[in-house]
């Protein structure tokens, strides 16, 4: 989405409870990728994750609070997001992620371990009666996996399926989307390695592979994805840390004080980048032509502390890291031949959590 000067805009989420400014709007320099802050709105408490609407003109945010809510903001003026009505309860606690699919806003509720679906009205505003889909299960890491903790919701490219990643249950739920307005229907549950703590998921651009980043054992799992049957099948796992980082080795097992957060895939399917919170690095993974094999290439410093989110610019030439604890968003130029990010600049964003390009 372009601003009043014709340039692209970025929207940056943050934790207001930790000193963040809510949702920050920034101009994106088309030549350098540099971000220039234009303004802020704290109309939503703890807007830790953002998503653009399916059409032009609407930005959505979770409110990651105990009485979890979601909010719609109008982008009639792209420089100044304005609430399109009050925030709406999602019927779950601690929503951490959201997506728009099948005419609904869908959230992953970490604390309550559920997925919520809010109808989208024709004008993009939110309906007020969520359908709540509870998860169940637990894992061996007792302090983090005493019960389900849904952490991300992602629709596949066919828009027939919704995948919900659950850190507490070491599993990915597959739901069938209903384009007639009903809530998604549970279809399958794919278990992942016990204690891995799956957090987020990204699809290969070809659509037949999905990559899950695992928060508790510092790994990435490649899964085969069959869009005809809605079947997810784990195929291989690699670590996100170098071999000398806490004894993690190739699979990342045993790594201490590192909690990967986000994974993004290049548009040509050659590279994946994973954020390491604690090691404070970005791991570069080379993907083989069939999208199944993964090879760690290197890690580079994330430019700050505790990278909670990664995002590619729309052209795929730059990578942005939202460094929560150092309070900045850092951007990198990407080497198209090696996939290695090279730091190009940063901007202060207290308690930064998310980067979305309009």
Protein backbone atom coordinates (compact mmCIF):
# COMPACT_ATOMS: atom_id res chain seq x y z
CA UNK A 1 0.00 0.00 0.00
CA UNK A 2 1.34 3.43 -0.91
CA UNK A 3 1.28 6.52 1.26
CA UNK A 4 0.40 10.06 0.41
CA UNK A 5 3.82 10.52 -1.22
CA UNK A 6 3.34 7.45 -3.41
CA UNK A 7 5.87 5.41 -1.44
CA UNK A 8 5.38 2.08 0.30
CA UNK A 9 4.53 1.87 4.00
CA UNK A 10 5.55 -0.56 6.74
CA UNK A 11 3.50 -1.19 9.89
CA UNK A 12 5.41 -2.21 13.00
CA UNK A 13 3.76 -3.85 16.01
CA UNK A 14 5.07 -3.58 19.59
CA UNK A 15 4.23 -4.35 23.20
CA UNK A 16 2.64 -1.28 24.79
CA UNK A 17 2.96 -3.01 28.18
CA UNK A 18 6.76 -2.99 27.72
CA UNK A 19 7.08 0.63 26.61
CA UNK A 20 6.17 0.19 22.95
CA UNK A 21 4.16 2.75 21.01
CA UNK A 22 1.57 0.35 19.66
CA UNK A 23 1.47 0.38 15.87
CA UNK A 24 4.17 2.46 14.19
CA UNK A 25 3.84 3.59 10.57
CA UNK A 26 7.06 4.00 8.60
CA UNK A 27 7.89 5.10 5.06
CA UNK A 28 10.05 2.67 3.08
CA UNK A 29 12.77 4.13 0.88
CA UNK A 30 12.40 2.37 -2.50
CA UNK A 31 16.15 2.51 -3.20
CA UNK A 32 17.71 1.64 0.15
CA UNK A 33 14.90 -0.04 2.09
CA UNK A 34 15.42 2.40 4.94
CA UNK A 35 12.49 3.00 7.29
CA UNK A 36 11.48 6.51 8.37
CA UNK A 37 8.97 6.67 11.21
CA UNK A 38 5.88 8.73 10.36
CA UNK A 39 3.73 8.21 13.44
CA UNK A 40 2.23 5.87 16.03
CA UNK A 41 -1.11 4.80 17.43
CA UNK A 42 -1.62 3.14 20.79
CA UNK A 43 -5.32 2.51 20.12
CA UNK A 44 -4.69 -1.25 20.49
CA UNK A 45 -3.02 -2.69 23.60
CA UNK A 46 -0.04 -4.98 22.91
CA UNK A 47 -0.56 -5.30 19.13
CA UNK A 48 2.11 -7.98 18.86
CA UNK A 49 1.10 -9.26 15.44
CA UNK A 50 -0.43 -7.50 12.43
CA UNK A 51 -1.93 -8.59 9.11
CA UNK A 52 -3.31 -6.75 6.11
CA UNK A 53 -6.86 -7.44 5.01
CA UNK A 54 -7.71 -9.40 1.86
CA UNK A 55 -8.64 -6.17 0.11
CA UNK A 56 -7.11 -2.74 0.22
CA UNK A 57 -7.68 -0.43 3.12
CA UNK A 58 -7.66 -2.50 6.33
CA UNK A 59 -5.04 -3.53 8.88
CA UNK A 60 -5.77 -6.10 11.60
CA UNK A 61 -4.04 -6.53 14.96
CA UNK A 62 -4.18 -8.94 17.84
CA UNK A 63 -4.24 -7.53 21.35
CA UNK A 64 -2.04 -10.02 23.18
CA UNK A 65 -3.66 -9.64 26.58
CA UNK A 66 -5.32 -11.99 29.05
CA UNK A 67 -8.76 -10.95 27.77
CA UNK A 68 -7.54 -11.42 24.20
CA UNK A 69 -8.93 -9.16 21.53
CA UNK A 70 -8.52 -8.31 17.87
CA UNK A 71 -8.91 -4.96 16.17
CA UNK A 72 -9.50 -3.67 12.65
CA UNK A 73 -7.89 -0.38 11.61
CA UNK A 74 -8.80 1.59 8.52
CA UNK A 75 -5.99 2.56 6.15
CA UNK A 76 -8.04 5.14 4.26
CA UNK A 77 -5.01 7.28 5.05
CA UNK A 78 -2.12 4.78 4.89
CA UNK A 79 -0.01 7.03 7.11
CA UNK A 80 -2.53 7.03 9.96
CA UNK A 81 -4.27 3.75 10.84
CA UNK A 82 -7.57 4.51 12.60
CA UNK A 83 -9.68 1.96 14.52
CA UNK A 84 -12.71 0.80 12.54
CA UNK A 85 -14.78 0.20 15.66
CA UNK A 86 -13.81 -1.11 19.09
CA UNK A 87 -11.53 -4.10 19.62
CA UNK A 88 -13.48 -7.36 19.71
CA UNK A 89 -13.03 -10.31 22.08
CA UNK A 90 -11.59 -13.42 20.45
CA UNK A 91 -12.89 -15.66 23.22
CA UNK A 92 -9.37 -16.77 24.11
CA UNK A 93 -6.37 -15.50 26.06
CA UNK A 94 -3.09 -14.19 24.72
CA UNK A 95 -3.61 -14.16 20.94
CA UNK A 96 -0.20 -14.10 19.25
CA UNK A 97 -0.91 -14.46 15.53
CA UNK A 98 -3.67 -13.87 12.99
CA UNK A 99 -4.60 -14.27 9.37
CA UNK A 100 -7.51 -13.48 7.06
CA UNK A 101 -9.05 -16.49 5.30
CA UNK A 102 -12.46 -17.52 3.98
CA UNK A 103 -14.09 -14.24 5.00
CA UNK A 104 -12.90 -14.48 8.59
CA UNK A 105 -10.18 -13.12 10.83
CA UNK A 106 -8.55 -16.11 12.51
CA UNK A 107 -6.34 -15.86 15.60
CA UNK A 108 -4.01 -18.27 17.41
CA UNK A 109 -4.52 -17.87 21.15
CA UNK A 110 -1.36 -18.91 22.97
CA UNK A 111 -2.41 -18.77 26.61
CA UNK A 112 -5.74 -20.55 26.22
CA UNK A 113 -4.53 -22.96 23.53
CA UNK A 114 -7.26 -22.29 20.99
CA UNK A 115 -8.03 -20.87 17.56
CA UNK A 116 -10.71 -18.21 17.14
CA UNK A 117 -12.63 -17.13 14.03
CA UNK A 118 -14.27 -13.71 13.73
CA UNK A 119 -16.51 -12.93 10.73
CA UNK A 120 -15.40 -10.06 8.53
CA UNK A 121 -18.15 -7.66 7.54
CA UNK A 122 -18.36 -6.33 3.97
CA UNK A 123 -16.66 -3.10 5.03
CA UNK A 124 -13.81 -5.04 6.68
CA UNK A 125 -14.96 -4.43 10.26
CA UNK A 126 -15.06 -7.33 12.70
CA UNK A 127 -18.12 -9.28 13.73
CA UNK A 128 -18.58 -9.75 17.45
CA UNK A 129 -19.31 -13.48 17.88
CA UNK A 130 -16.17 -15.59 17.55
CA UNK A 131 -16.18 -19.32 16.96
CA UNK A 132 -13.56 -20.85 19.26
CA UNK A 133 -11.78 -24.10 18.37
CA UNK A 134 -9.98 -25.52 21.43
CA UNK A 135 -6.80 -27.55 21.14
CA UNK A 136 -5.71 -30.30 23.50
CA UNK A 137 -2.46 -32.03 24.40
CA UNK A 138 0.81 -31.33 26.17
CA UNK A 139 4.54 -31.97 25.84
CA UNK A 140 7.56 -33.04 27.89
CA UNK A 141 8.88 -29.52 28.62
CA UNK A 142 6.71 -28.98 31.68
CA UNK A 143 7.24 -25.27 32.20
CA UNK A 144 6.22 -24.52 28.59
CA UNK A 145 4.09 -27.49 27.52
CA UNK A 146 1.69 -28.12 30.40
CA UNK A 147 -1.13 -27.75 27.89
CA UNK A 148 -1.85 -26.55 24.35
CA UNK A 149 -0.45 -23.19 23.20
CA UNK A 150 -1.58 -22.30 19.68
CA UNK A 151 1.00 -19.91 18.26
CA UNK A 152 0.32 -19.40 14.55
CA UNK A 153 -2.41 -19.81 11.93
CA UNK A 154 -1.53 -19.99 8.22
CA UNK A 155 -3.71 -20.72 5.18
CA UNK A 156 -2.23 -22.71 2.32
CA UNK A 157 -2.06 -21.37 -1.23
CA UNK A 158 -5.19 -23.25 -2.30
CA UNK A 159 -7.22 -21.44 0.39
CA UNK A 160 -8.84 -24.78 1.23
CA UNK A 161 -6.89 -25.43 4.41
CA UNK A 162 -5.80 -23.68 7.58
CA UNK A 163 -2.77 -24.93 9.51
CA UNK A 164 -2.56 -24.07 13.23
CA UNK A 165 0.81 -24.54 14.91
CA UNK A 166 0.70 -25.50 18.59
CA UNK A 167 3.84 -25.08 20.72
CA UNK A 168 2.41 -26.73 23.82
CA UNK A 169 1.15 -29.88 22.13
CA UNK A 170 4.05 -30.43 19.68
CA UNK A 171 1.59 -30.62 16.80
CA UNK A 172 0.10 -28.88 13.78
CA UNK A 173 -3.70 -28.94 13.44
CA UNK A 174 -5.14 -28.97 9.92
CA UNK A 175 -8.58 -27.39 9.43
CA UNK A 176 -10.74 -27.33 6.31
CA UNK A 177 -11.78 -23.78 5.49
CA UNK A 178 -15.46 -23.10 4.81
CA UNK A 179 -16.00 -20.31 2.29
CA UNK A 180 -19.72 -20.19 3.06
CA UNK A 181 -19.07 -18.42 6.36
CA UNK A 182 -18.92 -21.30 8.84
CA UNK A 183 -15.96 -21.88 11.13
CA UNK A 184 -13.13 -24.10 9.86
CA UNK A 185 -13.64 -27.84 10.49
CA UNK A 186 -11.00 -30.00 12.12
CA UNK A 187 -9.46 -32.36 9.57
CA UNK A 188 -6.21 -33.80 10.94
CA UNK A 189 -3.52 -33.41 13.58
CA UNK A 190 0.16 -33.93 12.72
CA UNK A 191 2.46 -34.67 15.68
CA UNK A 192 6.00 -33.33 15.62
CA UNK A 193 9.01 -34.33 17.70
CA UNK A 194 8.22 -34.31 21.45
CA UNK A 195 9.65 -31.24 23.13
CA UNK A 196 10.34 -29.39 19.88
CA UNK A 197 7.79 -26.66 20.56
CA UNK A 198 6.57 -25.76 17.05
CA UNK A 199 5.93 -22.02 16.83
CA UNK A 200 5.46 -20.73 13.26
CA UNK A 201 5.11 -22.17 9.77
CA UNK A 202 5.95 -20.99 6.24
CA UNK A 203 5.11 -22.60 2.91
CA UNK A 204 7.53 -23.16 0.06
CA UNK A 205 6.40 -20.99 -2.90
CA UNK A 206 5.65 -24.15 -4.86
CA UNK A 207 3.07 -25.02 -2.21
CA UNK A 208 4.01 -28.66 -1.60
CA UNK A 209 6.33 -28.16 1.38
CA UNK A 210 5.82 -26.44 4.73
CA UNK A 211 8.60 -25.50 7.13
CA UNK A 212 7.96 -25.36 10.87
CA UNK A 213 10.29 -23.42 13.16
CA UNK A 214 10.58 -25.03 16.58
CA UNK A 215 11.08 -22.75 19.58
CA UNK A 216 12.14 -25.25 22.24
CA UNK A 217 14.86 -27.26 20.47
CA UNK A 218 16.17 -24.66 17.97
CA UNK A 219 15.28 -26.56 14.81
CA UNK A 220 13.36 -26.28 11.56
CA UNK A 221 11.26 -29.22 10.34
CA UNK A 222 10.44 -29.63 6.66
CA UNK A 223 7.07 -31.27 6.01
CA UNK A 224 5.53 -32.59 2.81
CA UNK A 225 2.14 -30.98 2.17
CA UNK A 226 -0.61 -32.52 0.05
CA UNK A 227 -3.19 -29.87 -0.74
CA UNK A 228 -5.57 -32.41 -2.24
CA UNK A 229 -5.88 -34.47 0.92
CA UNK A 230 -4.87 -31.92 3.56
CA UNK A 231 -2.02 -34.15 4.73
CA UNK A 232 1.11 -32.83 6.46
CA UNK A 233 4.03 -35.27 6.82
CA UNK A 234 7.36 -34.45 8.58
CA UNK A 235 10.32 -35.20 6.32
CA UNK A 236 13.50 -33.83 7.94
CA UNK A 237 14.89 -31.49 10.57
CA UNK A 238 17.96 -29.24 10.83
CA UNK A 239 19.23 -26.90 13.52
CA UNK A 240 19.16 -23.12 13.48
CA UNK A 241 22.39 -22.71 15.46
CA UNK A 242 26.05 -23.27 14.57
CA UNK A 243 27.64 -26.43 15.93
CA UNK A 244 29.58 -24.55 18.62
CA UNK A 245 26.53 -22.72 20.02
CA UNK A 246 25.65 -24.44 23.29
CA UNK A 247 26.49 -27.86 21.86
CA UNK A 248 23.46 -27.75 19.58
CA UNK A 249 25.06 -29.40 16.57
CA UNK A 250 23.10 -30.17 13.42
CA UNK A 251 19.75 -30.72 15.10
CA UNK A 252 19.92 -28.00 17.73
CA UNK A 253 19.11 -30.48 20.53
CA UNK A 254 20.31 -29.36 23.93
CA UNK A 255 20.76 -25.72 22.98
CA UNK A 256 20.13 -23.51 26.00
CA UNK A 257 18.68 -20.03 26.16
CA UNK A 258 17.80 -19.86 22.51
CA UNK A 259 14.22 -19.65 21.30
CA UNK A 260 13.73 -19.36 17.53
CA UNK A 261 10.81 -17.17 16.59
CA UNK A 262 10.15 -16.75 12.87
CA UNK A 263 11.00 -18.29 9.52
CA UNK A 264 10.64 -16.81 6.03
CA UNK A 265 11.24 -18.36 2.60
CA UNK A 266 12.55 -16.61 -0.49
CA UNK A 267 10.17 -16.21 -3.43
CA UNK A 268 12.37 -18.45 -5.59
CA UNK A 269 12.39 -21.20 -2.96
CA UNK A 270 16.19 -21.30 -2.65
CA UNK A 271 16.66 -19.85 0.84
CA UNK A 272 15.11 -19.82 4.27
CA UNK A 273 15.97 -17.44 7.10
CA UNK A 274 15.28 -18.21 10.77
CA UNK A 275 15.47 -15.81 13.73
CA UNK A 276 17.28 -16.98 16.89
CA UNK A 277 16.27 -15.21 20.10
CA UNK A 278 19.07 -15.55 22.65
CA UNK A 279 21.79 -16.34 20.13
CA UNK A 280 20.55 -13.08 18.55
CA UNK A 281 21.23 -14.22 15.04
CA UNK A 282 19.62 -14.98 11.72
CA UNK A 283 20.27 -18.47 10.40
CA UNK A 284 20.59 -18.93 6.65
CA UNK A 285 19.38 -22.27 5.27
CA UNK A 286 19.84 -23.41 1.67
CA UNK A 287 16.88 -25.37 0.28
CA UNK A 288 17.50 -27.99 -2.40
CA UNK A 289 15.52 -27.87 -5.67
CA UNK A 290 12.80 -30.23 -4.46
CA UNK A 291 12.29 -28.06 -1.38
CA UNK A 292 12.79 -30.97 1.03
CA UNK A 293 16.49 -30.91 1.85
CA UNK A 294 17.84 -28.10 4.06
CA UNK A 295 21.48 -27.19 4.63
CA UNK A 296 22.65 -24.62 7.21
CA UNK A 297 24.86 -22.04 5.50
CA UNK A 298 25.76 -19.57 8.23
CA UNK A 299 24.38 -17.30 10.93
CA UNK A 300 24.71 -13.52 11.04
CA UNK A 301 24.00 -11.11 13.93
CA UNK A 302 20.39 -9.89 13.95
CA UNK A 303 21.46 -6.28 14.58
CA UNK A 304 19.96 -6.15 18.07
CA UNK A 305 18.62 -8.34 20.86
CA UNK A 306 15.76 -10.88 20.81
CA UNK A 307 14.57 -10.94 17.16
CA UNK A 308 10.87 -11.73 17.48
CA UNK A 309 9.91 -11.37 13.83
CA UNK A 310 11.41 -11.50 10.35
CA UNK A 311 9.83 -10.12 7.18
CA UNK A 312 10.86 -9.88 3.55
CA UNK A 313 10.13 -6.71 1.64
CA UNK A 314 7.66 -7.23 -1.24
CA UNK A 315 10.47 -7.34 -3.81
CA UNK A 316 12.32 -10.01 -1.83
CA UNK A 317 15.56 -8.03 -1.84
CA UNK A 318 15.72 -7.15 1.85
CA UNK A 319 15.08 -8.82 5.18
CA UNK A 320 13.78 -6.96 8.26
CA UNK A 321 14.21 -8.10 11.87
CA UNK A 322 12.04 -6.78 14.71
CA UNK A 323 14.39 -6.90 17.71
CA UNK A 324 12.11 -6.76 20.72
CA UNK A 325 14.48 -6.27 23.66
CA UNK A 326 16.87 -3.84 21.98
CA UNK A 327 13.91 -1.87 20.63
CA UNK A 328 14.71 -1.59 16.95
CA UNK A 329 13.90 -2.84 13.48
CA UNK A 330 17.05 -3.68 11.49
CA UNK A 331 17.12 -4.24 7.75
CA UNK A 332 19.51 -6.28 5.64
CA UNK A 333 20.38 -6.44 1.96
CA UNK A 334 20.22 -10.03 0.72
CA UNK A 335 22.95 -11.52 -1.47
CA UNK A 336 20.99 -13.30 -4.24
CA UNK A 337 23.84 -15.79 -4.83
CA UNK A 338 24.57 -16.83 -1.24
CA UNK A 339 21.38 -15.88 0.64
CA UNK A 340 23.50 -14.11 3.26
CA UNK A 341 21.96 -10.94 4.80
CA UNK A 342 24.19 -7.85 5.10
CA UNK A 343 23.15 -5.24 7.65
CA UNK A 344 22.11 -1.97 6.00
CA UNK A 345 20.47 0.09 8.75
CA UNK A 346 18.03 0.24 11.66
CA UNK A 347 15.39 2.43 13.26
CA UNK A 348 14.33 2.66 16.89
CA UNK A 349 11.02 0.91 17.68
CA UNK A 350 10.65 0.18 21.41
CA UNK A 351 9.51 -3.38 22.20
CA UNK A 352 9.24 -4.20 18.47
CA UNK A 353 7.38 -7.42 17.64
CA UNK A 354 6.23 -7.45 14.03
CA UNK A 355 6.84 -5.99 10.55
CA UNK A 356 4.16 -5.91 7.84
CA UNK A 357 4.43 -4.16 4.46
CA UNK A 358 1.45 -2.35 3.02
